[in-house]
Each structure stands twice: as C-alpha cells, then as structure tokens.
Amino acid sequence: MPLPTTSTDIVNLALSSIGDRTINNINNPLDDVSRTIRIWYDICVSEVQTMIIWDELYTGPVSLSYVTDNYAGVQGQYQYILPTNFIQVIEVNAPPPQGTIPVTNQNPIATPSFNWKLQDGYLIARVQNFEMLYARSESDVTKWSNQQRELIISYIAYKISLRLTNNSSIMQVAKQEYMEIKNRVFASRQNRNRRFRNRPSGFSMTQSKNSSGSGIGYRGY
C-alpha cells in the first residue's frame, strides 16, 4: 500500500479502520463526513504532535528576535517572539558575554547557564543573543514518521468513531487500538527521549500554557 501523502489519505485510512465510507476531499463543505472530520483532524494532529517529542519535528537551532529589552519594566529582560509553528522547547543556548572567564576544569564555578521562561506566547530571558532548538507543528504528512502517522490515524479513528457510526462497540475497539499503538510508540521512544524527560515542554500555541527552564550559556535569570 502506498504511503499517504495528503490529509485526505490520512482520514480515509482512519475511516477504513472503523468500517466507514471514505471521502474524496477533507475540505468538502457539502459532505457531512468531511465536515465532521475536518473539525477533529487538526485537533488530533495537534495533540499527537505535542504528546511526544518527535525527532522529525526538531527545528533549528534558530535565532529569535526580541520585542523589547525591558520586559515587565526590568531592564535587560528580553521578550522574544516565538516561531508561528512552535510547539515546545528542546534546547536553548547562548554564548557567554565578553569578558566572562572561560569554563575550564580549574574554573568549574564559571559553568555557563541561564534561565528562561515562556509566558503569554513569548520567551523571556535575561540574555540578548541565543539560539533555540524546538519542536514544530507539521501539517505535511509526508514529513511524519511512520510511528507519528500510525498514532495520528488511530487517534482520529477513535475520536470520530462514535460520532460517525453511533456505535459504542466500534468506538471501544477504536479506542483499544489507539491505546495499544500509543503504548507501543511511547515504549519504543522512552530511551530515545530519556534526556528530555525532565525538561519543561514549554509554551504551545495550541495549548496556551506557560513554562520555564534553563539553558546553556551564562547565568542571567
């Protein structure tokens, strides 16, 4: 079977898994099934892309532009604009300022570090120049890994099953299949994401939450 290349291909695989008819276009406003799936498709994709740190969604490192260096009336506190496709922070780092004593085995106290926080859709830090590696949202299905694609399809099937079939038994089967796939994917990625386990997930444009963390650089916050 050829790999899906469009959002319509993705939802048709979900529809087939619950025994429902397939559609010609997910964006067809005249088709009841298309309209229902259109609502849930974006929700399901967003939730799956935020529940796991997917390697294929890593972006950067990128430099951020700041709005002000006087955030909340504190001079030297920078308010940075996050990318429009931002989901969560993976890593941040910054060079030490001029005149900082180099970090050496003889000078471990100078280990560079700085703190940041994500608030109201911005990254706040007391450092002017730094780079961020982040996880992005991705709508191009050809850029999803096999695991991400499988999990999204099963999640869509679970979420739309009762609404389209009005059959709770089909919904329970779809839910069980989704949970089995989710548990398998989480288990296979547990070791891969071990070093990020305690890292804050950051501000998500889809979840509007605040967070904070620390980065490699000089102590600033």
Protein backbone atom coordinates (compact mmCIF):
# COMPACT_ATOMS: atom_id res chain seq x y z
CA MET A 1 0.00 0.00 0.00
CA PRO A 2 1.44 3.42 -0.95
CA LEU A 3 2.15 5.82 1.88
CA PRO A 4 -0.44 8.57 2.43
CA THR A 5 0.62 11.93 1.06
CA THR A 6 -2.36 14.14 1.94
CA SER A 7 -4.65 14.80 4.88
CA THR A 8 -7.47 13.17 2.91
CA ASP A 9 -5.38 9.99 2.62
CA ILE A 10 -4.85 10.05 6.40
CA VAL A 11 -8.54 10.38 7.27
CA ASN A 12 -9.53 7.74 4.72
CA LEU A 13 -7.25 5.27 6.50
CA ALA A 14 -8.93 6.23 9.77
CA LEU A 15 -12.38 5.83 8.21
CA SER A 16 -11.49 2.44 6.75
CA SER A 17 -10.35 1.23 10.17
CA ILE A 18 -13.82 1.84 11.63
CA GLY A 19 -15.63 0.44 8.58
CA ASP A 20 -16.97 3.77 7.33
CA ARG A 21 -17.01 5.11 3.80
CA THR A 22 -14.05 7.07 2.50
CA ILE A 23 -14.21 10.68 1.28
CA ASN A 24 -12.90 12.49 -1.78
CA ASN A 25 -11.78 15.66 -0.04
CA ILE A 26 -11.47 16.51 3.64
CA ASN A 27 -12.28 20.15 2.80
CA ASN A 28 -15.61 19.45 1.10
CA PRO A 29 -18.17 21.63 2.98
CA LEU A 30 -21.10 19.84 1.30
CA ASP A 31 -20.21 16.43 2.75
CA ASP A 32 -21.29 15.73 6.34
CA VAL A 33 -18.49 13.24 6.98
CA SER A 34 -15.86 15.65 5.62
CA ARG A 35 -17.16 18.47 7.81
CA THR A 36 -17.05 16.30 10.95
CA ILE A 37 -13.56 15.00 10.23
CA ARG A 38 -12.25 18.45 9.32
CA ILE A 39 -13.02 19.60 12.86
CA TRP A 40 -11.29 16.66 14.53
CA TYR A 41 -8.38 16.27 12.15
CA ASP A 42 -6.49 19.39 13.28
CA ILE A 43 -7.24 18.68 16.94
CA CYS A 44 -5.92 15.12 16.72
CA VAL A 45 -2.78 16.07 14.78
CA SER A 46 -2.01 18.85 17.27
CA GLU A 47 -2.49 16.62 20.31
CA VAL A 48 -0.33 13.81 18.94
CA GLN A 49 2.45 16.20 17.96
CA THR A 50 2.52 17.66 21.48
CA MET A 51 2.31 14.41 23.45
CA ILE A 52 5.73 13.14 22.27
CA ILE A 53 9.00 14.80 21.31
CA TRP A 54 9.14 13.62 17.69
CA ASP A 55 12.64 13.66 16.19
CA GLU A 56 11.30 14.61 12.77
CA LEU A 57 9.79 17.80 14.19
CA TYR A 58 13.09 19.15 15.53
CA THR A 59 13.78 22.59 14.04
CA GLY A 60 16.83 24.81 14.36
CA PRO A 61 18.82 25.95 16.13
CA VAL A 62 17.28 29.32 15.25
CA SER A 63 17.96 32.83 16.50
CA LEU A 64 14.94 34.69 17.88
CA SER A 65 14.06 38.36 17.51
CA TYR A 66 13.04 40.30 20.58
CA VAL A 67 10.25 42.83 21.01
CA THR A 68 11.75 44.68 23.96
CA ASP A 69 14.74 44.54 26.30
CA ASN A 70 12.65 45.99 29.12
CA TYR A 71 10.01 43.33 29.67
CA ALA A 72 7.77 43.99 32.69
CA GLY A 73 9.82 47.10 33.38
CA VAL A 74 13.03 45.16 34.04
CA GLN A 75 15.97 46.47 32.02
CA GLY A 76 17.90 43.66 30.34
CA GLN A 77 14.93 41.30 30.39
CA TYR A 78 14.24 40.36 26.77
CA GLN A 79 10.87 39.38 25.29
CA TYR A 80 11.43 37.10 22.30
CA ILE A 81 8.96 36.24 19.53
CA LEU A 82 8.38 32.51 19.13
CA PRO A 83 8.06 30.92 15.68
CA THR A 84 4.48 30.55 14.44
CA ASN A 85 4.90 26.75 14.21
CA PHE A 86 6.36 26.45 17.72
CA ILE A 87 5.23 23.55 19.92
CA GLN A 88 7.86 23.17 22.61
CA VAL A 89 11.44 24.00 23.54
CA ILE A 90 14.02 21.26 23.10
CA GLU A 91 17.17 23.19 23.96
CA VAL A 92 18.37 26.77 24.32
CA ASN A 93 21.95 28.01 24.44
CA ALA A 94 23.82 31.29 24.43
CA PRO A 95 27.45 32.39 24.23
CA PRO A 96 28.97 33.92 27.38
CA PRO A 97 29.30 37.70 27.32
CA GLN A 98 32.58 39.41 26.55
CA GLY A 99 34.99 39.28 29.47
CA THR A 100 33.48 36.13 31.01
CA ILE A 101 36.10 33.78 32.43
CA PRO A 102 36.29 30.68 30.21
CA VAL A 103 34.92 27.47 31.66
CA THR A 104 37.74 25.05 32.47
CA ASN A 105 38.39 22.14 34.79
CA GLN A 106 40.17 24.63 37.06
CA ASN A 107 37.25 27.04 36.93
CA PRO A 108 34.09 24.89 37.22
CA ILE A 109 32.13 27.63 39.01
CA ALA A 110 32.01 29.56 35.74
CA THR A 111 29.94 26.81 34.10
CA PRO A 112 27.69 28.77 31.74
CA SER A 113 23.98 28.73 32.43
CA PHE A 114 20.93 30.96 32.04
CA ASN A 115 17.25 30.62 32.78
CA TRP A 116 14.27 31.34 30.56
CA LYS A 117 10.52 31.26 30.83
CA LEU A 118 7.68 31.08 28.35
CA GLN A 119 4.81 33.38 29.07
CA ASP A 120 1.84 34.61 27.04
CA GLY A 121 3.31 33.30 23.81
CA TYR A 122 6.80 34.77 24.26
CA LEU A 123 10.13 33.53 25.53
CA ILE A 124 11.52 35.71 28.31
CA ALA A 125 15.23 35.66 29.17
CA ARG A 126 17.93 37.95 30.53
CA VAL A 127 20.23 37.27 27.62
CA GLN A 128 20.34 39.15 24.34
CA ASN A 129 21.61 36.58 21.84
CA PHE A 130 20.89 32.89 21.94
CA GLU A 131 19.70 30.02 19.78
CA MET A 132 16.81 27.66 20.32
CA LEU A 133 16.19 24.13 19.12
CA TYR A 134 12.45 23.49 19.18
CA ALA A 135 9.74 21.09 18.10
CA ARG A 136 7.45 22.47 15.43
CA SER A 137 3.95 21.66 14.31
CA GLU A 138 3.90 19.97 10.91
CA SER A 139 0.91 19.64 8.58
CA ASP A 140 2.80 17.98 5.71
CA VAL A 141 2.01 14.30 6.23
CA THR A 142 4.99 13.22 4.11
CA LYS A 143 7.27 14.60 6.84
CA TRP A 144 5.73 12.48 9.59
CA SER A 145 7.49 9.35 10.76
CA ASN A 146 5.73 6.01 10.42
CA GLN A 147 5.04 6.00 14.16
CA GLN A 148 3.60 9.50 14.19
CA ARG A 149 1.42 8.73 11.19
CA GLU A 150 0.15 5.48 12.71
CA LEU A 151 -0.67 7.16 16.02
CA ILE A 152 -2.48 10.06 14.34
CA ILE A 153 -4.58 7.73 12.19
CA SER A 154 -5.59 5.61 15.17
CA TYR A 155 -6.38 8.69 17.27
CA ILE A 156 -8.57 10.19 14.55
CA ALA A 157 -10.38 6.86 14.18
CA TYR A 158 -11.06 6.75 17.91
CA LYS A 159 -12.28 10.35 18.11
CA ILE A 160 -14.65 10.17 15.13
CA SER A 161 -15.88 6.60 15.55
CA LEU A 162 -18.87 7.24 17.80
CA ARG A 163 -19.82 10.47 16.03
CA LEU A 164 -19.96 8.82 12.63
CA THR A 165 -21.18 5.30 13.45
CA ASN A 166 -23.24 5.91 16.61
CA ASN A 167 -21.95 2.51 17.68
CA SER A 168 -20.24 2.34 21.09
CA SER A 169 -18.77 -1.09 20.35
CA ILE A 170 -16.91 0.27 17.33
CA MET A 171 -15.74 3.19 19.44
CA GLN A 172 -14.39 0.86 22.14
CA VAL A 173 -12.49 -1.18 19.56
CA ALA A 174 -11.04 2.01 18.04
CA LYS A 175 -10.07 3.27 21.50
CA GLN A 176 -8.35 -0.01 22.37
CA GLU A 177 -6.41 0.01 19.11
CA TYR A 178 -5.35 3.62 19.70
CA MET A 179 -4.18 2.86 23.26
CA GLU A 180 -2.21 -0.17 22.10
CA ILE A 181 -0.45 1.86 19.41
CA LYS A 182 0.15 4.75 21.82
CA ASN A 183 1.67 2.46 24.47
CA ARG A 184 3.89 0.78 21.89
CA VAL A 185 5.10 4.10 20.48
CA PHE A 186 5.75 5.55 23.95
CA ALA A 187 7.70 2.45 24.98
CA SER A 188 9.85 2.48 21.85
CA ARG A 189 10.71 6.15 22.32
CA GLN A 190 11.26 6.07 26.08
CA ASN A 191 15.02 5.61 25.92
CA ARG A 192 15.38 7.95 22.96
CA ASN A 193 13.77 10.79 24.88
CA ARG A 194 15.32 9.96 28.25
CA ARG A 195 17.49 13.06 28.40
CA PHE A 196 14.44 15.26 27.79
CA ARG A 197 12.21 13.57 30.37
CA ASN A 198 12.54 16.30 32.99
CA ARG A 199 12.69 19.16 30.51
CA PRO A 200 9.66 21.51 30.59
CA SER A 201 7.54 21.22 27.48
CA GLY A 202 7.23 24.96 27.04
CA PHE A 203 4.52 27.12 25.58
CA SER A 204 2.35 25.53 22.93
CA MET A 205 0.41 27.74 20.54
CA THR A 206 -2.36 25.17 20.71
CA GLN A 207 -2.43 24.79 24.49
CA SER A 208 -1.56 28.34 25.67
CA LYS A 209 0.45 27.29 28.69
CA ASN A 210 3.39 28.91 30.44
CA SER A 211 6.63 27.21 31.42
CA SER A 212 10.23 27.85 32.37
CA GLY A 213 13.62 26.20 32.18
CA SER A 214 17.34 26.71 31.89
CA GLY A 215 19.77 26.77 29.01
CA ILE A 216 23.44 26.50 28.21
CA GLY A 217 25.03 29.94 28.37
CA TYR A 218 25.84 32.38 31.12
CA ARG A 219 23.80 32.83 34.29
CA GLY A 220 21.27 35.51 33.63
CA TYR A 221 17.86 34.92 35.20
